[in-house]
Structures are given as C-alpha cells and as structure tokens.
Amino acid sequence: MNTIEQTIESINGAIHVDMHVPAEWEGYVLKVTVERTEAKVEKPKRTGLSRFRGKWAHLPLEDRLRMQKELDNMRNEWERPIS
C-alpha cells in the first residue's frame, strides 16, 4: 500500500488540501482520511503594543466611542501647560 501523509492546519473551521500524487496513481480511486492529532498549533505570543489591539471589540459601538472620548480627554490633559 502506498501512502502520502500531509499535516495541515484548519483555518476558520475549514481545511484546504492541495496534494500532488505520483503519476502511477493516475486512474485509481484515492481515499482521503482526516484525523485529529493530539498536538495543537501554538500561536506565537504577540509582543509590544499590538497585543492591546481589539480589547474593546466586545463592547457596543456607543460604549467604545465613550471610552475613546474619555481616553482622548485624559491625553489632552497631559498636553495642558503646567503653571
């Protein structure tokens, strides 16, 4: 029995398989089996300020705008001249 094994990752709940088979397999019925392994794909940990992107995505738009306005006001206070 001839076997080709390929490891792939699912993206958004789907997999896409692009596999080249030997020419001598032409004309045969091929069987594809998908098997989950115990190893999980580890995503690289984000570093720097990019890890804070999207922290308010779960909030309604009105709350996000209010939060952004409050942060802008706080930042503007830093720019105020101290006398």
PDB file of N, CA and C in Angstrom:
ATOM      1  N   MET A   1       0.845  -1.178   0.000  1.00  0.00           N
ATOM      2  CA  MET A   1       0.000   0.000   0.000  1.00  0.00           C
ATOM      3  C   MET A   1       0.888   1.237   0.000  1.00  0.00           C
ATOM      4  N   ASN A   2       0.605   2.149  -0.855  1.00  0.00           N
ATOM      5  CA  ASN A   2       1.342   3.402  -0.919  1.00  0.00           C
ATOM      6  C   ASN A   2       0.572   4.462  -0.148  1.00  0.00           C
ATOM      7  N   THR A   3       1.298   5.278   0.596  1.00  0.00           N
ATOM      8  CA  THR A   3       0.663   6.284   1.448  1.00  0.00           C
ATOM      9  C   THR A   3       1.372   7.611   1.297  1.00  0.00           C
ATOM     10  N   ILE A   4       0.578   8.677   1.283  1.00  0.00           N
ATOM     11  CA  ILE A   4       1.106  10.036   1.348  1.00  0.00           C
ATOM     12  C   ILE A   4       0.478  10.665   2.580  1.00  0.00           C
ATOM     13  N   GLU A   5       1.307  11.209   3.440  1.00  0.00           N
ATOM     14  CA  GLU A   5       0.798  11.850   4.656  1.00  0.00           C
ATOM     15  C   GLU A   5       1.159  13.328   4.615  1.00  0.00           C
ATOM     16  N   GLN A   6       0.190  14.156   4.958  1.00  0.00           N
ATOM     17  CA  GLN A   6       0.410  15.598   4.964  1.00  0.00           C
ATOM     18  C   GLN A   6      -0.246  16.180   6.211  1.00  0.00           C
ATOM     19  N   THR A   7       0.451  17.065   6.915  1.00  0.00           N
ATOM     20  CA  THR A   7      -0.097  17.714   8.098  1.00  0.00           C
ATOM     21  C   THR A   7      -0.538  19.122   7.708  1.00  0.00           C
ATOM     22  N   ILE A   8      -1.772  19.453   8.040  1.00  0.00           N
ATOM     23  CA  ILE A   8      -2.322  20.770   7.700  1.00  0.00           C
ATOM     24  C   ILE A   8      -3.031  21.350   8.905  1.00  0.00           C
ATOM     25  N   GLU A   9      -3.255  22.664   8.907  1.00  0.00           N
ATOM     26  CA  GLU A   9      -3.969  23.353   9.980  1.00  0.00           C
ATOM     27  C   GLU A   9      -5.319  23.820   9.463  1.00  0.00           C
ATOM     28  N   SER A  10      -6.325  23.761  10.319  1.00  0.00           N
ATOM     29  CA  SER A  10      -7.624  24.293   9.935  1.00  0.00           C
ATOM     30  C   SER A  10      -7.628  25.805  10.162  1.00  0.00           C
ATOM     31  N   ILE A  11      -8.283  26.515   9.277  1.00  0.00           N
ATOM     32  CA  ILE A  11      -8.403  27.966   9.380  1.00  0.00           C
ATOM     33  C   ILE A  11      -9.883  28.298   9.269  1.00  0.00           C
ATOM     34  N   ASN A  12     -10.411  28.948  10.299  1.00  0.00           N
ATOM     35  CA  ASN A  12     -11.832  29.304  10.350  1.00  0.00           C
ATOM     36  C   ASN A  12     -12.722  28.089  10.137  1.00  0.00           C
ATOM     37  N   GLY A  13     -12.335  26.976  10.735  1.00  0.00           N
ATOM     38  CA  GLY A  13     -13.170  25.785  10.687  1.00  0.00           C
ATOM     39  C   GLY A  13     -13.137  25.031   9.365  1.00  0.00           C
ATOM     40  N   ALA A  14     -12.175  25.321   8.491  1.00  0.00           N
ATOM     41  CA  ALA A  14     -12.097  24.633   7.200  1.00  0.00           C
ATOM     42  C   ALA A  14     -10.649  24.257   6.909  1.00  0.00           C
ATOM     43  N   ILE A  15     -10.484  23.233   6.080  1.00  0.00           N
ATOM     44  CA  ILE A  15      -9.153  22.862   5.628  1.00  0.00           C
ATOM     45  C   ILE A  15      -9.151  22.873   4.100  1.00  0.00           C
ATOM     46  N   HIS A  16      -7.995  23.178   3.555  1.00  0.00           N
ATOM     47  CA  HIS A  16      -7.813  23.172   2.103  1.00  0.00           C
ATOM     48  C   HIS A  16      -6.607  22.296   1.815  1.00  0.00           C
ATOM     49  N   VAL A  17      -6.832  21.270   1.020  1.00  0.00           N
ATOM     50  CA  VAL A  17      -5.778  20.303   0.735  1.00  0.00           C
ATOM     51  C   VAL A  17      -5.390  20.428  -0.735  1.00  0.00           C
ATOM     52  N   ASP A  18      -4.109  20.656  -0.978  1.00  0.00           N
ATOM     53  CA  ASP A  18      -3.556  20.675  -2.327  1.00  0.00           C
ATOM     54  C   ASP A  18      -2.435  19.656  -2.318  1.00  0.00           C
ATOM     55  N   MET A  19      -2.672  18.514  -2.950  1.00  0.00           N
ATOM     56  CA  MET A  19      -1.736  17.410  -2.834  1.00  0.00           C
ATOM     57  C   MET A  19      -1.384  16.895  -4.228  1.00  0.00           C
ATOM     58  N   HIS A  20      -0.098  16.702  -4.467  1.00  0.00           N
ATOM     59  CA  HIS A  20       0.362  16.123  -5.725  1.00  0.00           C
ATOM     60  C   HIS A  20       0.604  14.636  -5.502  1.00  0.00           C
ATOM     61  N   VAL A  21       0.082  13.834  -6.411  1.00  0.00           N
ATOM     62  CA  VAL A  21       0.227  12.379  -6.282  1.00  0.00           C
ATOM     63  C   VAL A  21       1.109  11.873  -7.422  1.00  0.00           C
ATOM     64  N   PRO A  22       1.755  10.731  -7.214  1.00  0.00           N
ATOM     65  CA  PRO A  22       2.608  10.169  -8.271  1.00  0.00           C
ATOM     66  C   PRO A  22       1.805   9.841  -9.538  1.00  0.00           C
ATOM     67  N   ALA A  23       2.460   9.907 -10.669  1.00  0.00           N
ATOM     68  CA  ALA A  23       1.803   9.657 -11.960  1.00  0.00           C
ATOM     69  C   ALA A  23       1.235   8.232 -12.038  1.00  0.00           C
ATOM     70  N   GLU A  24       1.900   7.272 -11.390  1.00  0.00           N
ATOM     71  CA  GLU A  24       1.414   5.884 -11.457  1.00  0.00           C
ATOM     72  C   GLU A  24       0.101   5.673 -10.698  1.00  0.00           C
ATOM     73  N   TRP A  25      -0.310   6.649  -9.898  1.00  0.00           N
ATOM     74  CA  TRP A  25      -1.597   6.552  -9.201  1.00  0.00           C
ATOM     75  C   TRP A  25      -2.752   6.996 -10.091  1.00  0.00           C
ATOM     76  N   GLU A  26      -2.451   7.532 -11.230  1.00  0.00           N
ATOM     77  CA  GLU A  26      -3.480   8.020 -12.144  1.00  0.00           C
ATOM     78  C   GLU A  26      -4.441   6.892 -12.506  1.00  0.00           C
ATOM     79  N   GLY A  27      -5.723   7.155 -12.420  1.00  0.00           N
ATOM     80  CA  GLY A  27      -6.738   6.170 -12.765  1.00  0.00           C
ATOM     81  C   GLY A  27      -7.228   5.346 -11.586  1.00  0.00           C
ATOM     82  N   TYR A  28      -6.566   5.442 -10.439  1.00  0.00           N
ATOM     83  CA  TYR A  28      -7.002   4.722  -9.246  1.00  0.00           C
ATOM     84  C   TYR A  28      -7.934   5.607  -8.419  1.00  0.00           C
ATOM     85  N   VAL A  29      -8.774   4.983  -7.635  1.00  0.00           N
ATOM     86  CA  VAL A  29      -9.623   5.701  -6.686  1.00  0.00           C
ATOM     87  C   VAL A  29      -8.780   5.975  -5.451  1.00  0.00           C
ATOM     88  N   LEU A  30      -8.724   7.227  -5.036  1.00  0.00           N
ATOM     89  CA  LEU A  30      -7.926   7.614  -3.872  1.00  0.00           C
ATOM     90  C   LEU A  30      -8.854   7.922  -2.705  1.00  0.00           C
ATOM     91  N   LYS A  31      -8.432   7.553  -1.522  1.00  0.00           N
ATOM     92  CA  LYS A  31      -9.231   7.760  -0.312  1.00  0.00           C
ATOM     93  C   LYS A  31      -8.500   8.757   0.589  1.00  0.00           C
ATOM     94  N   VAL A  32      -9.220   9.781   1.055  1.00  0.00           N
ATOM     95  CA  VAL A  32      -8.649  10.806   1.939  1.00  0.00           C
ATOM     96  C   VAL A  32      -9.300  10.670   3.301  1.00  0.00           C
ATOM     97  N   THR A  33      -8.483  10.597   4.359  1.00  0.00           N
ATOM     98  CA  THR A  33      -8.969  10.491   5.728  1.00  0.00           C
ATOM     99  C   THR A  33      -8.426  11.668   6.520  1.00  0.00           C
ATOM    100  N   VAL A  34      -9.281  12.336   7.293  1.00  0.00           N
ATOM    101  CA  VAL A  34      -8.861  13.450   8.133  1.00  0.00           C
ATOM    102  C   VAL A  34      -8.875  12.962   9.576  1.00  0.00           C
ATOM    103  N   GLU A  35      -7.753  13.100  10.250  1.00  0.00           N
ATOM    104  CA  GLU A  35      -7.598  12.620  11.614  1.00  0.00           C
ATOM    105  C   GLU A  35      -7.042  13.741  12.481  1.00  0.00           C
ATOM    106  N   ARG A  36      -7.654  13.971  13.622  1.00  0.00           N
ATOM    107  CA  ARG A  36      -7.153  14.985  14.551  1.00  0.00           C
ATOM    108  C   ARG A  36      -6.017  14.393  15.366  1.00  0.00           C
ATOM    109  N   THR A  37      -4.949  15.155  15.515  1.00  0.00           N
ATOM    110  CA  THR A  37      -3.827  14.717  16.335  1.00  0.00           C
ATOM    111  C   THR A  37      -3.963  15.338  17.719  1.00  0.00           C
ATOM    112  N   GLU A  38      -3.149  14.886  18.624  1.00  0.00           N
ATOM    113  CA  GLU A  38      -3.174  15.436  19.979  1.00  0.00           C
ATOM    114  C   GLU A  38      -2.403  16.750  20.075  1.00  0.00           C
ATOM    115  N   ALA A  39      -1.553  17.009  19.104  1.00  0.00           N
ATOM    116  CA  ALA A  39      -0.753  18.245  19.130  1.00  0.00           C
ATOM    117  C   ALA A  39      -1.592  19.412  18.628  1.00  0.00           C
ATOM    118  N   LYS A  40      -1.598  20.487  19.393  1.00  0.00           N
ATOM    119  CA  LYS A  40      -2.294  21.700  18.979  1.00  0.00           C
ATOM    120  C   LYS A  40      -1.295  22.667  18.379  1.00  0.00           C
ATOM    121  N   VAL A  41      -1.785  23.483  17.471  1.00  0.00           N
ATOM    122  CA  VAL A  41      -0.940  24.503  16.861  1.00  0.00           C
ATOM    123  C   VAL A  41      -0.806  25.642  17.856  1.00  0.00           C
ATOM    124  N   GLU A  42       0.435  25.984  18.188  1.00  0.00           N
ATOM    125  CA  GLU A  42       0.654  27.079  19.119  1.00  0.00           C
ATOM    126  C   GLU A  42       0.832  28.366  18.351  1.00  0.00           C
ATOM    127  N   LYS A  43      -0.007  29.349  18.680  1.00  0.00           N
ATOM    128  CA  LYS A  43       0.094  30.644  18.028  1.00  0.00           C
ATOM    129  C   LYS A  43       1.187  31.450  18.719  1.00  0.00           C
ATOM    130  N   PRO A  44       1.970  32.186  17.940  1.00  0.00           N
ATOM    131  CA  PRO A  44       3.015  32.999  18.564  1.00  0.00           C
ATOM    132  C   PRO A  44       2.399  34.089  19.435  1.00  0.00           C
ATOM    133  N   LYS A  45       3.004  34.311  20.590  1.00  0.00           N
ATOM    134  CA  LYS A  45       2.501  35.316  21.509  1.00  0.00           C
ATOM    135  C   LYS A  45       2.860  36.706  20.983  1.00  0.00           C
ATOM    136  N   ARG A  46       1.849  37.567  20.943  1.00  0.00           N
ATOM    137  CA  ARG A  46       2.094  38.920  20.449  1.00  0.00           C
ATOM    138  C   ARG A  46       2.826  39.713  21.515  1.00  0.00           C
ATOM    139  N   THR A  47       3.772  40.498  21.068  1.00  0.00           N
ATOM    140  CA  THR A  47       4.523  41.346  21.974  1.00  0.00           C
ATOM    141  C   THR A  47       4.344  42.789  21.537  1.00  0.00           C
ATOM    142  N   GLY A  48       4.698  43.686  22.391  1.00  0.00           N
ATOM    143  CA  GLY A  48       4.561  45.099  22.054  1.00  0.00           C
ATOM    144  C   GLY A  48       3.126  45.568  22.204  1.00  0.00           C
ATOM    145  N   LEU A  49       2.859  46.732  21.687  1.00  0.00           N
ATOM    146  CA  LEU A  49       1.532  47.330  21.851  1.00  0.00           C
ATOM    147  C   LEU A  49       0.459  46.659  21.001  1.00  0.00           C
ATOM    148  N   SER A  50       0.843  45.869  20.014  1.00  0.00           N
ATOM    149  CA  SER A  50      -0.162  45.221  19.166  1.00  0.00           C
ATOM    150  C   SER A  50      -1.039  44.256  19.952  1.00  0.00           C
ATOM    151  N   ARG A  51      -0.577  43.798  21.103  1.00  0.00           N
ATOM    152  CA  ARG A  51      -1.388  42.853  21.888  1.00  0.00           C
ATOM    153  C   ARG A  51      -2.618  43.518  22.489  1.00  0.00           C
ATOM    154  N   PHE A  52      -2.658  44.853  22.526  1.00  0.00           N
ATOM    155  CA  PHE A  52      -3.815  45.550  23.077  1.00  0.00           C
ATOM    156  C   PHE A  52      -4.860  45.863  22.008  1.00  0.00           C
ATOM    157  N   ARG A  53      -4.546  45.621  20.755  1.00  0.00           N
ATOM    158  CA  ARG A  53      -5.485  45.929  19.683  1.00  0.00           C
ATOM    159  C   ARG A  53      -6.736  45.067  19.819  1.00  0.00           C
ATOM    160  N   GLY A  54      -7.902  45.694  19.734  1.00  0.00           N
ATOM    161  CA  GLY A  54      -9.156  44.958  19.763  1.00  0.00           C
ATOM    162  C   GLY A  54      -9.650  44.595  21.147  1.00  0.00           C
ATOM    163  N   LYS A  55      -9.096  45.184  22.194  1.00  0.00           N
ATOM    164  CA  LYS A  55      -9.519  44.831  23.548  1.00  0.00           C
ATOM    165  C   LYS A  55     -10.952  45.260  23.822  1.00  0.00           C
ATOM    166  N   TRP A  56     -11.445  46.244  23.078  1.00  0.00           N
ATOM    167  CA  TRP A  56     -12.813  46.714  23.309  1.00  0.00           C
ATOM    168  C   TRP A  56     -13.777  46.201  22.251  1.00  0.00           C
ATOM    169  N   ALA A  57     -13.372  45.239  21.475  1.00  0.00           N
ATOM    170  CA  ALA A  57     -14.211  44.748  20.379  1.00  0.00           C
ATOM    171  C   ALA A  57     -15.533  44.173  20.876  1.00  0.00           C
ATOM    172  N   HIS A  58     -15.563  43.689  22.113  1.00  0.00           N
ATOM    173  CA  HIS A  58     -16.786  43.088  22.645  1.00  0.00           C
ATOM    174  C   HIS A  58     -17.800  44.142  23.097  1.00  0.00           C
ATOM    175  N   LEU A  59     -17.357  45.394  23.241  1.00  0.00           N
ATOM    176  CA  LEU A  59     -18.253  46.462  23.699  1.00  0.00           C
ATOM    177  C   LEU A  59     -19.106  46.986  22.550  1.00  0.00           C
ATOM    178  N   PRO A  60     -20.323  47.444  22.863  1.00  0.00           N
ATOM    179  CA  PRO A  60     -21.148  48.082  21.831  1.00  0.00           C
ATOM    180  C   PRO A  60     -20.455  49.353  21.330  1.00  0.00           C
ATOM    181  N   LEU A  61     -20.784  49.776  20.123  1.00  0.00           N
ATOM    182  CA  LEU A  61     -20.142  50.925  19.499  1.00  0.00           C
ATOM    183  C   LEU A  61     -20.243  52.170  20.376  1.00  0.00           C
ATOM    184  N   GLU A  62     -21.400  52.391  20.980  1.00  0.00           N
ATOM    185  CA  GLU A  62     -21.598  53.580  21.826  1.00  0.00           C
ATOM    186  C   GLU A  62     -20.614  53.591  23.000  1.00  0.00           C
ATOM    187  N   ASP A  63     -20.437  52.443  23.647  1.00  0.00           N
ATOM    188  CA  ASP A  63     -19.501  52.352  24.774  1.00  0.00           C
ATOM    189  C   ASP A  63     -18.052  52.531  24.324  1.00  0.00           C
ATOM    190  N   ARG A  64     -17.716  51.969  23.153  1.00  0.00           N
ATOM    191  CA  ARG A  64     -16.351  52.138  22.644  1.00  0.00           C
ATOM    192  C   ARG A  64     -16.055  53.600  22.353  1.00  0.00           C
ATOM    193  N   LEU A  65     -17.025  54.319  21.761  1.00  0.00           N
ATOM    194  CA  LEU A  65     -16.818  55.739  21.468  1.00  0.00           C
ATOM    195  C   LEU A  65     -16.684  56.554  22.752  1.00  0.00           C
ATOM    196  N   ARG A  66     -17.501  56.221  23.760  1.00  0.00           N
ATOM    197  CA  ARG A  66     -17.421  56.919  25.039  1.00  0.00           C
ATOM    198  C   ARG A  66     -16.056  56.680  25.696  1.00  0.00           C
ATOM    199  N   MET A  67     -15.583  55.427  25.654  1.00  0.00           N
ATOM    200  CA  MET A  67     -14.287  55.085  26.232  1.00  0.00           C
ATOM    201  C   MET A  67     -13.169  55.826  25.491  1.00  0.00           C
ATOM    202  N   GLN A  68     -13.253  55.877  24.154  1.00  0.00           N
ATOM    203  CA  GLN A  68     -12.236  56.573  23.371  1.00  0.00           C
ATOM    204  C   GLN A  68     -12.226  58.058  23.684  1.00  0.00           C
ATOM    205  N   LYS A  69     -13.412  58.641  23.869  1.00  0.00           N
ATOM    206  CA  LYS A  69     -13.501  60.067  24.194  1.00  0.00           C
ATOM    207  C   LYS A  69     -12.865  60.349  25.556  1.00  0.00           C
ATOM    208  N   GLU A  70     -13.120  59.478  26.537  1.00  0.00           N
ATOM    209  CA  GLU A  70     -12.515  59.642  27.858  1.00  0.00           C
ATOM    210  C   GLU A  70     -10.989  59.552  27.789  1.00  0.00           C
ATOM    211  N   LEU A  71     -10.487  58.602  27.006  1.00  0.00           N
ATOM    212  CA  LEU A  71      -9.032  58.480  26.856  1.00  0.00           C
ATOM    213  C   LEU A  71      -8.439  59.708  26.160  1.00  0.00           C
ATOM    214  N   ASP A  72      -9.126  60.203  25.145  1.00  0.00           N
ATOM    215  CA  ASP A  72      -8.650  61.412  24.461  1.00  0.00           C
ATOM    216  C   ASP A  72      -8.600  62.594  25.427  1.00  0.00           C
ATOM    217  N   ASN A  73      -9.604  62.717  26.285  1.00  0.00           N
ATOM    218  CA  ASN A  73      -9.622  63.808  27.273  1.00  0.00           C
ATOM    219  C   ASN A  73      -8.451  63.677  28.249  1.00  0.00           C
ATOM    220  N   MET A  74      -8.170  62.452  28.689  1.00  0.00           N
ATOM    221  CA  MET A  74      -7.043  62.247  29.601  1.00  0.00           C
ATOM    222  C   MET A  74      -5.719  62.609  28.922  1.00  0.00           C
ATOM    223  N   ARG A  75      -5.579  62.220  27.670  1.00  0.00           N
ATOM    224  CA  ARG A  75      -4.339  62.544  26.950  1.00  0.00           C
ATOM    225  C   ARG A  75      -4.199  64.050  26.756  1.00  0.00           C
ATOM    226  N   ASN A  76      -5.302  64.725  26.502  1.00  0.00           N
ATOM    227  CA  ASN A  76      -5.264  66.167  26.298  1.00  0.00           C
ATOM    228  C   ASN A  76      -4.873  66.894  27.586  1.00  0.00           C
ATOM    229  N   GLU A  77      -5.194  66.322  28.732  1.00  0.00           N
ATOM    230  CA  GLU A  77      -4.788  66.928  29.999  1.00  0.00           C
ATOM    231  C   GLU A  77      -3.278  66.898  30.145  1.00  0.00           C
ATOM    232  N   TRP A  78      -2.637  65.888  29.609  1.00  0.00           N
ATOM    233  CA  TRP A  78      -1.181  65.811  29.679  1.00  0.00           C
ATOM    234  C   TRP A  78      -0.535  66.932  28.876  1.00  0.00           C
ATOM    235  N   GLU A  79      -1.198  67.348  27.803  1.00  0.00           N
ATOM    236  CA  GLU A  79      -0.658  68.392  26.929  1.00  0.00           C
ATOM    237  C   GLU A  79      -0.889  69.792  27.502  1.00  0.00           C
ATOM    238  N   ARG A  80      -1.706  69.895  28.526  1.00  0.00           N
ATOM    239  CA  ARG A  80      -2.035  71.200  29.112  1.00  0.00           C
ATOM    240  C   ARG A  80      -0.789  71.794  29.783  1.00  0.00           C
ATOM    241  N   PRO A  81      -0.531  73.080  29.585  1.00  0.00           N
ATOM    242  CA  PRO A  81       0.639  73.694  30.240  1.00  0.00           C
ATOM    243  C   PRO A  81       0.474  73.723  31.758  1.00  0.00           C
ATOM    244  N   ILE A  82       1.519  73.430  32.457  1.00  0.00           N
ATOM    245  CA  ILE A  82       1.502  73.448  33.915  1.00  0.00           C
ATOM    246  C   ILE A  82       1.985  74.833  34.358  1.00  0.00           C
ATOM    247  N   SER A  83       1.120  75.524  35.136  1.00  0.00           N
ATOM    248  CA  SER A  83       1.528  76.866  35.596  1.00  0.00           C
ATOM    249  C   SER A  83       1.435  76.988  37.089  1.00  0.00           C
TER     250      SER A  83
END
